[in-house]
């Protein structure tokens, strides 16, 4: 029987895994909302909640991470974030480079492990953590912060300003692109020196109905940077994982050219049949299960039918399909139970 790590890698490389990998992420907002009722379900399915121990959380004194706490904070790049719901990361409300005159004194933060909003440690601690995970036989990850390039441009300039920049091409834009690219490349280099199985790149490139920019604009401004960052990862034998919310089917050719191997893509926003036609077999699909309609508001039958359809249409005996689902309010605990029940039933569909 394969280990979780071995199964994940074989699935990502279309090398006949034994089951479909599944990740269920419960947001702190849902955890505090569901409390003991949700804990019972998490304890019922330990395969989807590894390491979870019921009864250990003090919900009345729960400490949310700084970026998930109601209020405002400044990230390492100087962007001001505002959070309005405890347990859910907020949005950027002030952009330090909204006026290009600020470029004169702009400097990127230190190249240290970080998420989208804060520096989380140092490289020695990160190395020890990854090495310990490797010794335990776990899958190891290098995490490049969410919003590592295209979104970072938005955070720094503001969405409207950036859209105008892509048309007008001010020299400061190219200067900023180099700064962000070089900063990210140095972070990738650190992770490759440590050695990881998967390198996570996080962006949101789509709206509900289309990509934020045309494929032509993407090919000009984004694909070359992605390629420069991702090719060293592939050359090191590490898997390239790209997350993007939104409709991004128009960008699939560009993402393939850039070097993406595992694509974390939303199901109903892009369409299951369209994913089967355009994405299946070209990438390992890390399918982001709908969290807008079916999961929070659907019946148990609706949820089971959705997972079964996705397994049948997007899976194969060779692998190439994994699931990830985020649990956010107002998803009730019974929907989480239905999801886990469906995952348990259908994750071995292609090998039963």
Foldseek 3Di string as FASTA:
>chain_A
DDDPQRLVVLQLVLNFHQWFAEEEAEFPQNCLVAPPVLVVLCVVQCVHVPPDDPPPDDSVPDDADPQQDADWDAAQQGFIFGHHHRRDGGDTDDAQPLDVVSVVVGAGGDLADDAQGYHDDHLVVVLVVQVVCVVVVHAFEQEQHACQAPNNVCRRRNDVRVVVCLVVVDVVVVVVNVRSLVSSLVNLVSDLVSPGQAYEYHYAQADLAEGPDALVSCLVRPLVSLLVRCVVCVVSVHAYEYEYEHAYLRNVVSCLSSPHAEYAYEDPSNHLQNCLVRPAPSHQYAYEYDPPDCLQPNDLVSLLVVLVVNCVRRAASSHRYHYYYYHDPPGHSVSVSSNSVSSVVCRSVRPD
